[in-house]
Amino acid sequence: MEVDIRPDADILAGRMRKIWASEGLA
C-alpha cells in the first residue's frame, strides 16, 4: 500500500504533467 503525502495541488499537477508528456504536449 502507499499514501502520497504531497499537497493536493501538487499531486494533481504531477498527474497532468505525466499525461501531457505521454501525449507530446508542452
mmCIF file of all heavy atoms, coordinates in Angstrom:
data_MODEL
# 
_entry.id   MODEL 
# 
loop_
_atom_site.group_PDB 
_atom_site.id 
_atom_site.type_symbol 
_atom_site.label_atom_id 
_atom_site.label_alt_id 
_atom_site.label_comp_id 
_atom_site.label_asym_id 
_atom_site.label_entity_id 
_atom_site.label_seq_id 
_atom_site.pdbx_PDB_ins_code 
_atom_site.Cartn_x 
_atom_site.Cartn_y 
_atom_site.Cartn_z 
_atom_site.occupancy 
_atom_site.B_iso_or_equiv 
_atom_site.pdbx_formal_charge 
_atom_site.auth_seq_id 
_atom_site.auth_comp_id 
_atom_site.auth_asym_id 
_atom_site.auth_atom_id 
_atom_site.pdbx_PDB_model_num 
ATOM 1   N N   . MET A 1 1  ? 0.856  -1.186 0.000   1.00 0.00 ? 1  MET A N   1 
ATOM 2   C CA  . MET A 1 1  ? 0.000  0.000  0.000   1.00 0.00 ? 1  MET A CA  1 
ATOM 3   C C   . MET A 1 1  ? 0.891  1.235  0.000   1.00 0.00 ? 1  MET A C   1 
ATOM 4   O O   . MET A 1 1  ? 2.048  1.183  0.460   1.00 0.00 ? 1  MET A O   1 
ATOM 5   C CB  . MET A 1 1  ? -0.895 0.027  1.245   1.00 0.00 ? 1  MET A CB  1 
ATOM 6   C CG  . MET A 1 1  ? -1.723 -1.222 1.482   1.00 0.00 ? 1  MET A CG  1 
ATOM 7   S SD  . MET A 1 1  ? -3.209 -1.301 0.478   1.00 0.00 ? 1  MET A SD  1 
ATOM 8   C CE  . MET A 1 1  ? -4.253 -0.112 1.318   1.00 0.00 ? 1  MET A CE  1 
ATOM 9   N N   . GLU A 1 2  ? 0.341  2.354  -0.488  1.00 0.00 ? 2  GLU A N   1 
ATOM 10  C CA  . GLU A 1 2  ? 1.094  3.598  -0.436  1.00 0.00 ? 2  GLU A CA  1 
ATOM 11  C C   . GLU A 1 2  ? 0.162  4.782  -0.229  1.00 0.00 ? 2  GLU A C   1 
ATOM 12  O O   . GLU A 1 2  ? -1.020 4.732  -0.582  1.00 0.00 ? 2  GLU A O   1 
ATOM 13  C CB  . GLU A 1 2  ? 1.948  3.806  -1.693  1.00 0.00 ? 2  GLU A CB  1 
ATOM 14  C CG  . GLU A 1 2  ? 1.196  4.102  -2.956  1.00 0.00 ? 2  GLU A CG  1 
ATOM 15  C CD  . GLU A 1 2  ? 2.110  4.380  -4.142  1.00 0.00 ? 2  GLU A CD  1 
ATOM 16  O OE1 . GLU A 1 2  ? 3.221  3.782  -4.192  1.00 0.00 ? 2  GLU A OE1 1 
ATOM 17  O OE2 . GLU A 1 2  ? 1.718  5.171  -5.028  1.00 0.00 ? 2  GLU A OE2 1 
ATOM 18  N N   . VAL A 1 3  ? 0.718  5.842  0.359   1.00 0.00 ? 3  VAL A N   1 
ATOM 19  C CA  . VAL A 1 3  ? -0.006 7.093  0.577   1.00 0.00 ? 3  VAL A CA  1 
ATOM 20  C C   . VAL A 1 3  ? 0.876  8.238  0.084   1.00 0.00 ? 3  VAL A C   1 
ATOM 21  O O   . VAL A 1 3  ? 2.029  8.360  0.502   1.00 0.00 ? 3  VAL A O   1 
ATOM 22  C CB  . VAL A 1 3  ? -0.346 7.304  2.069   1.00 0.00 ? 3  VAL A CB  1 
ATOM 23  C CG1 . VAL A 1 3  ? -0.996 8.673  2.271   1.00 0.00 ? 3  VAL A CG1 1 
ATOM 24  C CG2 . VAL A 1 3  ? -1.259 6.199  2.570   1.00 0.00 ? 3  VAL A CG2 1 
ATOM 25  N N   . ASP A 1 4  ? 0.321  9.041  -0.804  1.00 0.00 ? 4  ASP A N   1 
ATOM 26  C CA  . ASP A 1 4  ? 1.021  10.224 -1.306  1.00 0.00 ? 4  ASP A CA  1 
ATOM 27  C C   . ASP A 1 4  ? 0.725  11.379 -0.359  1.00 0.00 ? 4  ASP A C   1 
ATOM 28  O O   . ASP A 1 4  ? -0.430 11.770 -0.192  1.00 0.00 ? 4  ASP A O   1 
ATOM 29  C CB  . ASP A 1 4  ? 0.529  10.541 -2.715  1.00 0.00 ? 4  ASP A CB  1 
ATOM 30  C CG  . ASP A 1 4  ? 1.405  11.566 -3.439  1.00 0.00 ? 4  ASP A CG  1 
ATOM 31  O OD1 . ASP A 1 4  ? 1.999  12.430 -2.754  1.00 0.00 ? 4  ASP A OD1 1 
ATOM 32  O OD2 . ASP A 1 4  ? 1.483  11.510 -4.680  1.00 0.00 ? 4  ASP A OD2 1 
ATOM 33  N N   . ILE A 1 5  ? 1.748  11.928 0.290   1.00 0.00 ? 5  ILE A N   1 
ATOM 34  C CA  . ILE A 1 5  ? 1.525  12.971 1.292   1.00 0.00 ? 5  ILE A CA  1 
ATOM 35  C C   . ILE A 1 5  ? 1.840  14.370 0.761   1.00 0.00 ? 5  ILE A C   1 
ATOM 36  O O   . ILE A 1 5  ? 1.927  15.321 1.534   1.00 0.00 ? 5  ILE A O   1 
ATOM 37  C CB  . ILE A 1 5  ? 2.338  12.691 2.574   1.00 0.00 ? 5  ILE A CB  1 
ATOM 38  C CG1 . ILE A 1 5  ? 3.836  12.659 2.267   1.00 0.00 ? 5  ILE A CG1 1 
ATOM 39  C CG2 . ILE A 1 5  ? 1.883  11.411 3.225   1.00 0.00 ? 5  ILE A CG2 1 
ATOM 40  C CD1 . ILE A 1 5  ? 4.700  12.546 3.517   1.00 0.00 ? 5  ILE A CD1 1 
ATOM 41  N N   . ARG A 1 6  ? 2.020  14.493 -0.547  1.00 0.00 ? 6  ARG A N   1 
ATOM 42  C CA  . ARG A 1 6  ? 2.229  15.832 -1.105  1.00 0.00 ? 6  ARG A CA  1 
ATOM 43  C C   . ARG A 1 6  ? 0.943  16.652 -0.990  1.00 0.00 ? 6  ARG A C   1 
ATOM 44  O O   . ARG A 1 6  ? -0.148 16.098 -0.846  1.00 0.00 ? 6  ARG A O   1 
ATOM 45  C CB  . ARG A 1 6  ? 2.635  15.736 -2.576  1.00 0.00 ? 6  ARG A CB  1 
ATOM 46  C CG  . ARG A 1 6  ? 4.027  15.192 -2.832  1.00 0.00 ? 6  ARG A CG  1 
ATOM 47  C CD  . ARG A 1 6  ? 4.282  15.071 -4.321  1.00 0.00 ? 6  ARG A CD  1 
ATOM 48  N NE  . ARG A 1 6  ? 3.377  14.095 -4.928  1.00 0.00 ? 6  ARG A NE  1 
ATOM 49  C CZ  . ARG A 1 6  ? 3.184  13.971 -6.253  1.00 0.00 ? 6  ARG A CZ  1 
ATOM 50  N NH1 . ARG A 1 6  ? 3.809  14.787 -7.094  1.00 0.00 ? 6  ARG A NH1 1 
ATOM 51  N NH2 . ARG A 1 6  ? 2.366  13.052 -6.730  1.00 0.00 ? 6  ARG A NH2 1 
ATOM 52  N N   . PRO A 1 7  ? 1.047  17.991 -1.074  1.00 0.00 ? 7  PRO A N   1 
ATOM 53  C CA  . PRO A 1 7  ? -0.171 18.812 -1.111  1.00 0.00 ? 7  PRO A CA  1 
ATOM 54  C C   . PRO A 1 7  ? -1.070 18.396 -2.277  1.00 0.00 ? 7  PRO A C   1 
ATOM 55  O O   . PRO A 1 7  ? -0.588 17.932 -3.317  1.00 0.00 ? 7  PRO A O   1 
ATOM 56  C CB  . PRO A 1 7  ? 0.375  20.237 -1.304  1.00 0.00 ? 7  PRO A CB  1 
ATOM 57  C CG  . PRO A 1 7  ? 1.758  20.195 -0.730  1.00 0.00 ? 7  PRO A CG  1 
ATOM 58  C CD  . PRO A 1 7  ? 2.275  18.818 -1.048  1.00 0.00 ? 7  PRO A CD  1 
ATOM 59  N N   . ASP A 1 8  ? -2.371 18.572 -2.097  1.00 0.00 ? 8  ASP A N   1 
ATOM 60  C CA  . ASP A 1 8  ? -3.337 18.135 -3.108  1.00 0.00 ? 8  ASP A CA  1 
ATOM 61  C C   . ASP A 1 8  ? -3.030 18.684 -4.494  1.00 0.00 ? 8  ASP A C   1 
ATOM 62  O O   . ASP A 1 8  ? -3.062 17.953 -5.487  1.00 0.00 ? 8  ASP A O   1 
ATOM 63  C CB  . ASP A 1 8  ? -4.749 18.562 -2.686  1.00 0.00 ? 8  ASP A CB  1 
ATOM 64  C CG  . ASP A 1 8  ? -5.170 17.942 -1.362  1.00 0.00 ? 8  ASP A CG  1 
ATOM 65  O OD1 . ASP A 1 8  ? -4.793 16.791 -1.110  1.00 0.00 ? 8  ASP A OD1 1 
ATOM 66  O OD2 . ASP A 1 8  ? -5.860 18.628 -0.581  1.00 0.00 ? 8  ASP A OD2 1 
ATOM 67  N N   . ALA A 1 9  ? -2.738 19.974 -4.589  1.00 0.00 ? 9  ALA A N   1 
ATOM 68  C CA  . ALA A 1 9  ? -2.477 20.590 -5.893  1.00 0.00 ? 9  ALA A CA  1 
ATOM 69  C C   . ALA A 1 9  ? -1.246 19.977 -6.548  1.00 0.00 ? 9  ALA A C   1 
ATOM 70  O O   . ALA A 1 9  ? -1.215 19.773 -7.769  1.00 0.00 ? 9  ALA A O   1 
ATOM 71  C CB  . ALA A 1 9  ? -2.298 22.105 -5.745  1.00 0.00 ? 9  ALA A CB  1 
ATOM 72  N N   . ASP A 1 10 ? -0.232 19.661 -5.779  1.00 0.00 ? 10 ASP A N   1 
ATOM 73  C CA  . ASP A 1 10 ? 0.996  19.086 -6.324  1.00 0.00 ? 10 ASP A CA  1 
ATOM 74  C C   . ASP A 1 10 ? 0.744  17.689 -6.901  1.00 0.00 ? 10 ASP A C   1 
ATOM 75  O O   . ASP A 1 10 ? 1.317  17.320 -7.943  1.00 0.00 ? 10 ASP A O   1 
ATOM 76  C CB  . ASP A 1 10 ? 2.076  19.019 -5.250  1.00 0.00 ? 10 ASP A CB  1 
ATOM 77  C CG  . ASP A 1 10 ? 2.522  20.394 -4.778  1.00 0.00 ? 10 ASP A CG  1 
ATOM 78  O OD1 . ASP A 1 10 ? 1.648  21.202 -4.408  1.00 0.00 ? 10 ASP A OD1 1 
ATOM 79  O OD2 . ASP A 1 10 ? 3.730  20.674 -4.788  1.00 0.00 ? 10 ASP A OD2 1 
ATOM 80  N N   . ILE A 1 11 ? -0.127 16.913 -6.238  1.00 0.00 ? 11 ILE A N   1 
ATOM 81  C CA  . ILE A 1 11 ? -0.455 15.582 -6.745  1.00 0.00 ? 11 ILE A CA  1 
ATOM 82  C C   . ILE A 1 11 ? -1.175 15.685 -8.085  1.00 0.00 ? 11 ILE A C   1 
ATOM 83  O O   . ILE A 1 11 ? -0.819 15.012 -9.062  1.00 0.00 ? 11 ILE A O   1 
ATOM 84  C CB  . ILE A 1 11 ? -1.319 14.816 -5.729  1.00 0.00 ? 11 ILE A CB  1 
ATOM 85  C CG1 . ILE A 1 11 ? -0.529 14.574 -4.440  1.00 0.00 ? 11 ILE A CG1 1 
ATOM 86  C CG2 . ILE A 1 11 ? -1.791 13.488 -6.317  1.00 0.00 ? 11 ILE A CG2 1 
ATOM 87  C CD1 . ILE A 1 11 ? -1.354 13.947 -3.337  1.00 0.00 ? 11 ILE A CD1 1 
ATOM 88  N N   . LEU A 1 12 ? -2.199 16.539 -8.147  1.00 0.00 ? 12 LEU A N   1 
ATOM 89  C CA  . LEU A 1 12 ? -2.952 16.697 -9.396  1.00 0.00 ? 12 LEU A CA  1 
ATOM 90  C C   . LEU A 1 12 ? -2.072 17.222 -10.519 1.00 0.00 ? 12 LEU A C   1 
ATOM 91  O O   . LEU A 1 12 ? -2.142 16.756 -11.659 1.00 0.00 ? 12 LEU A O   1 
ATOM 92  C CB  . LEU A 1 12 ? -4.135 17.648 -9.172  1.00 0.00 ? 12 LEU A CB  1 
ATOM 93  C CG  . LEU A 1 12 ? -5.359 17.071 -8.466  1.00 0.00 ? 12 LEU A CG  1 
ATOM 94  C CD1 . LEU A 1 12 ? -6.375 18.171 -8.196  1.00 0.00 ? 12 LEU A CD1 1 
ATOM 95  C CD2 . LEU A 1 12 ? -5.999 15.969 -9.309  1.00 0.00 ? 12 LEU A CD2 1 
ATOM 96  N N   . ALA A 1 13 ? -1.244 18.208 -10.208 1.00 0.00 ? 13 ALA A N   1 
ATOM 97  C CA  . ALA A 1 13 ? -0.362 18.777 -11.229 1.00 0.00 ? 13 ALA A CA  1 
ATOM 98  C C   . ALA A 1 13 ? 0.609  17.728 -11.755 1.00 0.00 ? 13 ALA A C   1 
ATOM 99  O O   . ALA A 1 13 ? 0.877  17.658 -12.967 1.00 0.00 ? 13 ALA A O   1 
ATOM 100 C CB  . ALA A 1 13 ? 0.396  19.975 -10.671 1.00 0.00 ? 13 ALA A CB  1 
ATOM 101 N N   . GLY A 1 14 ? 1.138  16.906 -10.872 1.00 0.00 ? 14 GLY A N   1 
ATOM 102 C CA  . GLY A 1 14 ? 2.056  15.854 -11.306 1.00 0.00 ? 14 GLY A CA  1 
ATOM 103 C C   . GLY A 1 14 ? 1.381  14.883 -12.262 1.00 0.00 ? 14 GLY A C   1 
ATOM 104 O O   . GLY A 1 14 ? 1.982  14.452 -13.253 1.00 0.00 ? 14 GLY A O   1 
ATOM 105 N N   . ARG A 1 15 ? 0.143  14.531 -11.972 1.00 0.00 ? 15 ARG A N   1 
ATOM 106 C CA  . ARG A 1 15 ? -0.589 13.621 -12.863 1.00 0.00 ? 15 ARG A CA  1 
ATOM 107 C C   . ARG A 1 15 ? -0.826 14.251 -14.230 1.00 0.00 ? 15 ARG A C   1 
ATOM 108 O O   . ARG A 1 15 ? -0.685 13.583 -15.260 1.00 0.00 ? 15 ARG A O   1 
ATOM 109 C CB  . ARG A 1 15 ? -1.915 13.231 -12.220 1.00 0.00 ? 15 ARG A CB  1 
ATOM 110 C CG  . ARG A 1 15 ? -1.775 12.376 -10.970 1.00 0.00 ? 15 ARG A CG  1 
ATOM 111 C CD  . ARG A 1 15 ? -3.152 12.032 -10.412 1.00 0.00 ? 15 ARG A CD  1 
ATOM 112 N NE  . ARG A 1 15 ? -3.070 11.280 -9.161  1.00 0.00 ? 15 ARG A NE  1 
ATOM 113 C CZ  . ARG A 1 15 ? -4.137 10.895 -8.474  1.00 0.00 ? 15 ARG A CZ  1 
ATOM 114 N NH1 . ARG A 1 15 ? -5.362 11.190 -8.922  1.00 0.00 ? 15 ARG A NH1 1 
ATOM 115 N NH2 . ARG A 1 15 ? -3.996 10.213 -7.349  1.00 0.00 ? 15 ARG A NH2 1 
ATOM 116 N N   . MET A 1 16 ? -1.210 15.532 -14.241 1.00 0.00 ? 16 MET A N   1 
ATOM 117 C CA  . MET A 1 16 ? -1.463 16.197 -15.525 1.00 0.00 ? 16 MET A CA  1 
ATOM 118 C C   . MET A 1 16 ? -0.187 16.320 -16.342 1.00 0.00 ? 16 MET A C   1 
ATOM 119 O O   . MET A 1 16 ? -0.195 16.129 -17.567 1.00 0.00 ? 16 MET A O   1 
ATOM 120 C CB  . MET A 1 16 ? -2.073 17.585 -15.290 1.00 0.00 ? 16 MET A CB  1 
ATOM 121 C CG  . MET A 1 16 ? -3.506 17.582 -14.814 1.00 0.00 ? 16 MET A CG  1 
ATOM 122 S SD  . MET A 1 16 ? -4.625 16.588 -15.853 1.00 0.00 ? 16 MET A SD  1 
ATOM 123 C CE  . MET A 1 16 ? -4.352 17.299 -17.468 1.00 0.00 ? 16 MET A CE  1 
ATOM 124 N N   . ARG A 1 17 ? 0.931  16.617 -15.700 1.00 0.00 ? 17 ARG A N   1 
ATOM 125 C CA  . ARG A 1 17 ? 2.191  16.724 -16.451 1.00 0.00 ? 17 ARG A CA  1 
ATOM 126 C C   . ARG A 1 17 ? 2.566  15.389 -17.094 1.00 0.00 ? 17 ARG A C   1 
ATOM 127 O O   . ARG A 1 17 ? 3.078  15.348 -18.219 1.00 0.00 ? 17 ARG A O   1 
ATOM 128 C CB  . ARG A 1 17 ? 3.303  17.216 -15.527 1.00 0.00 ? 17 ARG A CB  1 
ATOM 129 C CG  . ARG A 1 17 ? 3.235  18.712 -15.215 1.00 0.00 ? 17 ARG A CG  1 
ATOM 130 C CD  . ARG A 1 17 ? 4.546  19.214 -14.621 1.00 0.00 ? 17 ARG A CD  1 
ATOM 131 N NE  . ARG A 1 17 ? 4.821  18.598 -13.334 1.00 0.00 ? 17 ARG A NE  1 
ATOM 132 C CZ  . ARG A 1 17 ? 4.520  19.145 -12.161 1.00 0.00 ? 17 ARG A CZ  1 
ATOM 133 N NH1 . ARG A 1 17 ? 3.923  20.334 -12.127 1.00 0.00 ? 17 ARG A NH1 1 
ATOM 134 N NH2 . ARG A 1 17 ? 4.816  18.526 -11.027 1.00 0.00 ? 17 ARG A NH2 1 
ATOM 135 N N   . LYS A 1 18 ? 2.301  14.277 -16.394 1.00 0.00 ? 18 LYS A N   1 
ATOM 136 C CA  . LYS A 1 18 ? 2.580  12.962 -16.976 1.00 0.00 ? 18 LYS A CA  1 
ATOM 137 C C   . LYS A 1 18 ? 1.705  12.704 -18.195 1.00 0.00 ? 18 LYS A C   1 
ATOM 138 O O   . LYS A 1 18 ? 2.157  12.160 -19.206 1.00 0.00 ? 18 LYS A O   1 
ATOM 139 C CB  . LYS A 1 18 ? 2.352  11.878 -15.919 1.00 0.00 ? 18 LYS A CB  1 
ATOM 140 C CG  . LYS A 1 18 ? 3.436  11.804 -14.861 1.00 0.00 ? 18 LYS A CG  1 
ATOM 141 C CD  . LYS A 1 18 ? 3.180  10.656 -13.886 1.00 0.00 ? 18 LYS A CD  1 
ATOM 142 C CE  . LYS A 1 18 ? 4.280  10.565 -12.837 1.00 0.00 ? 18 LYS A CE  1 
ATOM 143 N NZ  . LYS A 1 18 ? 4.034  9.477  -11.856 1.00 0.00 ? 18 LYS A NZ  1 
ATOM 144 N N   . ILE A 1 19 ? 0.417  13.089 -18.091 1.00 0.00 ? 19 ILE A N   1 
ATOM 145 C CA  . ILE A 1 19 ? -0.495 12.901 -19.228 1.00 0.00 ? 19 ILE A CA  1 
ATOM 146 C C   . ILE A 1 19 ? -0.023 13.723 -20.418 1.00 0.00 ? 19 ILE A C   1 
ATOM 147 O O   . ILE A 1 19 ? 0.040  13.239 -21.555 1.00 0.00 ? 19 ILE A O   1 
ATOM 148 C CB  . ILE A 1 19 ? -1.932 13.286 -18.828 1.00 0.00 ? 19 ILE A CB  1 
ATOM 149 C CG1 . ILE A 1 19 ? -2.491 12.269 -17.825 1.00 0.00 ? 19 ILE A CG1 1 
ATOM 150 C CG2 . ILE A 1 19 ? -2.830 13.358 -20.057 1.00 0.00 ? 19 ILE A CG2 1 
ATOM 151 C CD1 . ILE A 1 19 ? -3.846 12.651 -17.267 1.00 0.00 ? 19 ILE A CD1 1 
ATOM 152 N N   . TRP A 1 20 ? 0.297  14.996 -20.177 1.00 0.00 ? 20 TRP A N   1 
ATOM 153 C CA  . TRP A 1 20 ? 0.753  15.851 -21.270 1.00 0.00 ? 20 TRP A CA  1 
ATOM 154 C C   . TRP A 1 20 ? 2.031  15.304 -21.904 1.00 0.00 ? 20 TRP A C   1 
ATOM 155 O O   . TRP A 1 20 ? 2.185  15.322 -23.115 1.00 0.00 ? 20 TRP A O   1 
ATOM 156 C CB  . TRP A 1 20 ? 0.979  17.282 -20.764 1.00 0.00 ? 20 TRP A CB  1 
ATOM 157 C CG  . TRP A 1 20 ? -0.290 17.984 -20.399 1.00 0.00 ? 20 TRP A CG  1 
ATOM 158 C CD1 . TRP A 1 20 ? -1.559 17.596 -20.722 1.00 0.00 ? 20 TRP A CD1 1 
ATOM 159 C CD2 . TRP A 1 20 ? -0.420 19.191 -19.653 1.00 0.00 ? 20 TRP A CD2 1 
ATOM 160 N NE1 . TRP A 1 20 ? -2.481 18.495 -20.204 1.00 0.00 ? 20 TRP A NE1 1 
ATOM 161 C CE2 . TRP A 1 20 ? -1.807 19.480 -19.555 1.00 0.00 ? 20 TRP A CE2 1 
ATOM 162 C CE3 . TRP A 1 20 ? 0.493  20.047 -19.042 1.00 0.00 ? 20 TRP A CE3 1 
ATOM 163 C CZ2 . TRP A 1 20 ? -2.284 20.601 -18.880 1.00 0.00 ? 20 TRP A CZ2 1 
ATOM 164 C CZ3 . TRP A 1 20 ? 0.016  21.167 -18.363 1.00 0.00 ? 20 TRP A CZ3 1 
ATOM 165 C CH2 . TRP A 1 20 ? -1.354 21.434 -18.288 1.00 0.00 ? 20 TRP A CH2 1 
ATOM 166 N N   . ALA A 1 21 ? 2.945  14.833 -21.064 1.00 0.00 ? 21 ALA A N   1 
ATOM 167 C CA  . ALA A 1 21 ? 4.203  14.288 -21.593 1.00 0.00 ? 21 ALA A CA  1 
ATOM 168 C C   . ALA A 1 21 ? 3.934  13.058 -22.453 1.00 0.00 ? 21 ALA A C   1 
ATOM 169 O O   . ALA A 1 21 ? 4.552  12.880 -23.520 1.00 0.00 ? 21 ALA A O   1 
ATOM 170 C CB  . ALA A 1 21 ? 5.149  13.949 -20.444 1.00 0.00 ? 21 ALA A CB  1 
ATOM 171 N N   . SER A 1 22 ? 3.000  12.193 -22.014 1.00 0.00 ? 22 SER A N   1 
ATOM 172 C CA  . SER A 1 22 ? 2.698  10.984 -22.789 1.00 0.00 ? 22 SER A CA  1 
ATOM 173 C C   . SER A 1 22 ? 2.034  11.311 -24.116 1.00 0.00 ? 22 SER A C   1 
ATOM 174 O O   . SER A 1 22 ? 2.108  10.533 -25.067 1.00 0.00 ? 22 SER A O   1 
ATOM 175 C CB  . SER A 1 22 ? 1.785  10.060 -21.975 1.00 0.00 ? 22 SER A CB  1 
ATOM 176 O OG  . SER A 1 22 ? 0.488  10.619 -21.821 1.00 0.00 ? 22 SER A OG  1 
ATOM 177 N N   . GLU A 1 23 ? 1.376  12.471 -24.196 1.00 0.00 ? 23 GLU A N   1 
ATOM 178 C CA  . GLU A 1 23 ? 0.703  12.888 -25.432 1.00 0.00 ? 23 GLU A CA  1 
ATOM 179 C C   . GLU A 1 23 ? 1.537  13.860 -26.246 1.00 0.00 ? 23 GLU A C   1 
ATOM 180 O O   . GLU A 1 23 ? 1.073  14.375 -27.269 1.00 0.00 ? 23 GLU A O   1 
ATOM 181 C CB  . GLU A 1 23 ? -0.648 13.521 -25.084 1.00 0.00 ? 23 GLU A CB  1 
ATOM 182 C CG  . GLU A 1 23 ? -1.610 12.553 -24.411 1.00 0.00 ? 23 GLU A CG  1 
ATOM 183 C CD  . GLU A 1 23 ? -2.932 13.202 -24.048 1.00 0.00 ? 23 GLU A CD  1 
ATOM 184 O OE1 . GLU A 1 23 ? -3.012 14.456 -24.103 1.00 0.00 ? 23 GLU A OE1 1 
ATOM 185 O OE2 . GLU A 1 23 ? -3.883 12.480 -23.715 1.00 0.00 ? 23 GLU A OE2 1 
ATOM 186 N N   . GLY A 1 24 ? 2.749  14.140 -25.776 1.00 0.00 ? 24 GLY A N   1 
ATOM 187 C CA  . GLY A 1 24 ? 3.628  15.045 -26.523 1.00 0.00 ? 24 GLY A CA  1 
ATOM 188 C C   . GLY A 1 24 ? 3.214  16.496 -26.428 1.00 0.00 ? 24 GLY A C   1 
ATOM 189 O O   . GLY A 1 24 ? 3.557  17.298 -27.311 1.00 0.00 ? 24 GLY A O   1 
ATOM 190 N N   . LEU A 1 25 ? 2.495  16.867 -25.355 1.00 0.00 ? 25 LEU A N   1 
ATOM 191 C CA  . LEU A 1 25 ? 2.037  18.248 -25.195 1.00 0.00 ? 25 LEU A CA  1 
ATOM 192 C C   . LEU A 1 25 ? 3.003  19.027 -24.311 1.00 0.00 ? 25 LEU A C   1 
ATOM 193 O O   . LEU A 1 25 ? 3.432  18.547 -23.269 1.00 0.00 ? 25 LEU A O   1 
ATOM 194 C CB  . LEU A 1 25 ? 0.650  18.282 -24.565 1.00 0.00 ? 25 LEU A CB  1 
ATOM 195 C CG  . LEU A 1 25 ? -0.496 17.689 -25.389 1.00 0.00 ? 25 LEU A CG  1 
ATOM 196 C CD1 . LEU A 1 25 ? -1.775 17.647 -24.563 1.00 0.00 ? 25 LEU A CD1 1 
ATOM 197 C CD2 . LEU A 1 25 ? -0.708 18.494 -26.662 1.00 0.00 ? 25 LEU A CD2 1 
ATOM 198 N N   . ALA A 1 26 ? 3.337  20.235 -24.743 1.00 0.00 ? 26 ALA A N   1 
ATOM 199 C CA  . ALA A 1 26 ? 4.197  21.104 -23.947 1.00 0.00 ? 26 ALA A CA  1 
ATOM 200 C C   . ALA A 1 26 ? 3.359  21.829 -22.888 1.00 0.00 ? 26 ALA A C   1 
ATOM 201 O O   . ALA A 1 26 ? 2.129  21.885 -22.966 1.00 0.00 ? 26 ALA A O   1 
ATOM 202 C CB  . ALA A 1 26 ? 4.885  22.126 -24.850 1.00 0.00 ? 26 ALA A CB  1 
# 
